[in-house]
Amino acid sequence: MAIEVKIRKNEPVERALRRLKKKLDREGVIKDVRANRYFEKPSQTKRRQKKVAAFNNMIRCKYDN
Protein backbone atom coordinates (compact mmCIF):
# COMPACT_ATOMS: atom_id res chain seq x y z
CA MET A 1 0.00 0.00 0.00
CA ALA A 2 1.81 3.09 -1.23
CA ILE A 3 0.21 6.47 -0.74
CA GLU A 4 1.30 9.03 -3.28
CA VAL A 5 0.76 12.73 -3.67
CA LYS A 6 1.99 14.29 -6.87
CA ILE A 7 3.10 17.88 -6.71
CA ARG A 8 1.12 19.97 -9.15
CA LYS A 9 2.63 22.62 -11.33
CA ASN A 10 3.59 25.73 -9.30
CA GLU A 11 2.31 24.13 -6.07
CA PRO A 12 4.23 24.84 -2.87
CA VAL A 13 5.71 21.80 -1.15
CA GLU A 14 3.90 22.72 2.07
CA ARG A 15 0.52 22.37 0.37
CA ALA A 16 1.47 18.99 -1.09
CA LEU A 17 2.65 17.88 2.35
CA ARG A 18 -0.67 18.97 3.81
CA ARG A 19 -2.54 16.92 1.19
CA LEU A 20 -0.36 13.93 2.06
CA LYS A 21 -1.13 14.28 5.76
CA LYS A 22 -4.86 14.50 5.07
CA LYS A 23 -4.68 11.42 2.87
CA LEU A 24 -2.78 9.50 5.57
CA ASP A 25 -5.35 10.57 8.14
CA ARG A 26 -8.28 9.47 5.97
CA GLU A 27 -6.67 6.08 5.33
CA GLY A 28 -6.01 5.61 9.05
CA VAL A 29 -2.29 4.98 8.56
CA ILE A 30 -1.13 7.23 11.38
CA LYS A 31 -3.71 5.73 13.74
CA ASP A 32 -2.50 2.21 12.92
CA VAL A 33 1.15 3.12 13.43
CA ARG A 34 0.42 4.66 16.81
CA ALA A 35 -1.69 1.66 17.82
CA ASN A 36 1.08 -0.77 16.88
CA ARG A 37 3.83 1.21 18.61
CA TYR A 38 3.38 -0.83 21.80
CA PHE A 39 1.98 -4.29 22.33
CA GLU A 40 -1.56 -4.27 23.62
CA LYS A 41 -2.95 -7.37 25.28
CA PRO A 42 -6.10 -8.78 23.67
CA SER A 43 -8.10 -8.02 26.83
CA GLN A 44 -6.99 -4.37 26.65
CA THR A 45 -7.99 -4.21 22.99
CA LYS A 46 -11.45 -5.58 23.77
CA ARG A 47 -11.84 -3.18 26.71
CA ARG A 48 -10.85 -0.20 24.56
CA GLN A 49 -13.20 -1.20 21.74
CA LYS A 50 -16.04 -1.74 24.20
CA LYS A 51 -15.42 1.71 25.68
CA VAL A 52 -15.46 3.34 22.22
CA ALA A 53 -18.66 1.49 21.29
CA ALA A 54 -20.36 2.60 24.53
CA PHE A 55 -19.36 6.20 23.87
CA ASN A 56 -20.62 6.09 20.28
CA ASN A 57 -23.87 4.51 21.45
CA MET A 58 -24.33 7.25 24.07
CA ILE A 59 -23.77 9.95 21.43
CA ARG A 60 -26.13 8.21 18.98
CA CYS A 61 -28.89 7.88 21.62
CA LYS A 62 -28.49 11.51 22.61
CA TYR A 63 -29.12 12.76 19.06
CA ASP A 64 -31.77 10.20 18.07
CA ASN A 65 -34.40 11.71 20.37
C-alpha atoms as a PDB file:
ATOM      1  CA  MET A   1       0.000   0.000   0.000  1.00  0.00           C
ATOM      2  CA  ALA A   2       1.807   3.088  -1.226  1.00  0.00           C
ATOM      3  CA  ILE A   3       0.214   6.468  -0.739  1.00  0.00           C
ATOM      4  CA  GLU A   4       1.305   9.030  -3.281  1.00  0.00           C
ATOM      5  CA  VAL A   5       0.764  12.730  -3.674  1.00  0.00           C
ATOM      6  CA  LYS A   6       1.993  14.289  -6.869  1.00  0.00           C
ATOM      7  CA  ILE A   7       3.103  17.879  -6.709  1.00  0.00           C
ATOM      8  CA  ARG A   8       1.120  19.968  -9.145  1.00  0.00           C
ATOM      9  CA  LYS A   9       2.628  22.624 -11.331  1.00  0.00           C
ATOM     10  CA  ASN A  10       3.594  25.728  -9.297  1.00  0.00           C
ATOM     11  CA  GLU A  11       2.313  24.130  -6.067  1.00  0.00           C
ATOM     12  CA  PRO A  12       4.225  24.835  -2.867  1.00  0.00           C
ATOM     13  CA  VAL A  13       5.706  21.803  -1.153  1.00  0.00           C
ATOM     14  CA  GLU A  14       3.905  22.716   2.075  1.00  0.00           C
ATOM     15  CA  ARG A  15       0.521  22.374   0.370  1.00  0.00           C
ATOM     16  CA  ALA A  16       1.466  18.985  -1.091  1.00  0.00           C
ATOM     17  CA  LEU A  17       2.646  17.881   2.353  1.00  0.00           C
ATOM     18  CA  ARG A  18      -0.674  18.975   3.809  1.00  0.00           C
ATOM     19  CA  ARG A  19      -2.536  16.924   1.187  1.00  0.00           C
ATOM     20  CA  LEU A  20      -0.359  13.931   2.056  1.00  0.00           C
ATOM     21  CA  LYS A  21      -1.128  14.281   5.758  1.00  0.00           C
ATOM     22  CA  LYS A  22      -4.861  14.502   5.067  1.00  0.00           C
ATOM     23  CA  LYS A  23      -4.682  11.417   2.868  1.00  0.00           C
ATOM     24  CA  LEU A  24      -2.783   9.502   5.566  1.00  0.00           C
ATOM     25  CA  ASP A  25      -5.349  10.573   8.144  1.00  0.00           C
ATOM     26  CA  ARG A  26      -8.279   9.471   5.971  1.00  0.00           C
ATOM     27  CA  GLU A  27      -6.670   6.084   5.327  1.00  0.00           C
ATOM     28  CA  GLY A  28      -6.008   5.613   9.054  1.00  0.00           C
ATOM     29  CA  VAL A  29      -2.288   4.977   8.558  1.00  0.00           C
ATOM     30  CA  ILE A  30      -1.135   7.232  11.384  1.00  0.00           C
ATOM     31  CA  LYS A  31      -3.711   5.733  13.737  1.00  0.00           C
ATOM     32  CA  ASP A  32      -2.500   2.207  12.922  1.00  0.00           C
ATOM     33  CA  VAL A  33       1.150   3.121  13.427  1.00  0.00           C
ATOM     34  CA  ARG A  34       0.416   4.660  16.813  1.00  0.00           C
ATOM     35  CA  ALA A  35      -1.693   1.658  17.821  1.00  0.00           C
ATOM     36  CA  ASN A  36       1.084  -0.766  16.884  1.00  0.00           C
ATOM     37  CA  ARG A  37       3.828   1.206  18.609  1.00  0.00           C
ATOM     38  CA  TYR A  38       3.380  -0.827  21.795  1.00  0.00           C
ATOM     39  CA  PHE A  39       1.978  -4.292  22.332  1.00  0.00           C
ATOM     40  CA  GLU A  40      -1.559  -4.271  23.622  1.00  0.00           C
ATOM     41  CA  LYS A  41      -2.952  -7.365  25.278  1.00  0.00           C
ATOM     42  CA  PRO A  42      -6.105  -8.777  23.670  1.00  0.00           C
ATOM     43  CA  SER A  43      -8.097  -8.017  26.835  1.00  0.00           C
ATOM     44  CA  GLN A  44      -6.987  -4.368  26.655  1.00  0.00           C
ATOM     45  CA  THR A  45      -7.987  -4.207  22.992  1.00  0.00           C
ATOM     46  CA  LYS A  46     -11.454  -5.576  23.774  1.00  0.00           C
ATOM     47  CA  ARG A  47     -11.839  -3.179  26.711  1.00  0.00           C
ATOM     48  CA  ARG A  48     -10.852  -0.196  24.559  1.00  0.00           C
ATOM     49  CA  GLN A  49     -13.200  -1.200  21.736  1.00  0.00           C
ATOM     50  CA  LYS A  50     -16.043  -1.736  24.198  1.00  0.00           C
ATOM     51  CA  LYS A  51     -15.416   1.714  25.677  1.00  0.00           C
ATOM     52  CA  VAL A  52     -15.461   3.343  22.218  1.00  0.00           C
ATOM     53  CA  ALA A  53     -18.663   1.495  21.294  1.00  0.00           C
ATOM     54  CA  ALA A  54     -20.357   2.596  24.527  1.00  0.00           C
ATOM     55  CA  PHE A  55     -19.360   6.203  23.873  1.00  0.00           C
ATOM     56  CA  ASN A  56     -20.621   6.090  20.279  1.00  0.00           C
ATOM     57  CA  ASN A  57     -23.874   4.508  21.454  1.00  0.00           C
ATOM     58  CA  MET A  58     -24.327   7.251  24.067  1.00  0.00           C
ATOM     59  CA  ILE A  59     -23.772   9.947  21.429  1.00  0.00           C
ATOM     60  CA  ARG A  60     -26.134   8.205  18.983  1.00  0.00           C
ATOM     61  CA  CYS A  61     -28.887   7.878  21.623  1.00  0.00           C
ATOM     62  CA  LYS A  62     -28.491  11.511  22.612  1.00  0.00           C
ATOM     63  CA  TYR A  63     -29.125  12.761  19.060  1.00  0.00           C
ATOM     64  CA  ASP A  64     -31.769  10.203  18.072  1.00  0.00           C
ATOM     65  CA  ASN A  65     -34.401  11.705  20.367  1.00  0.00           C
END
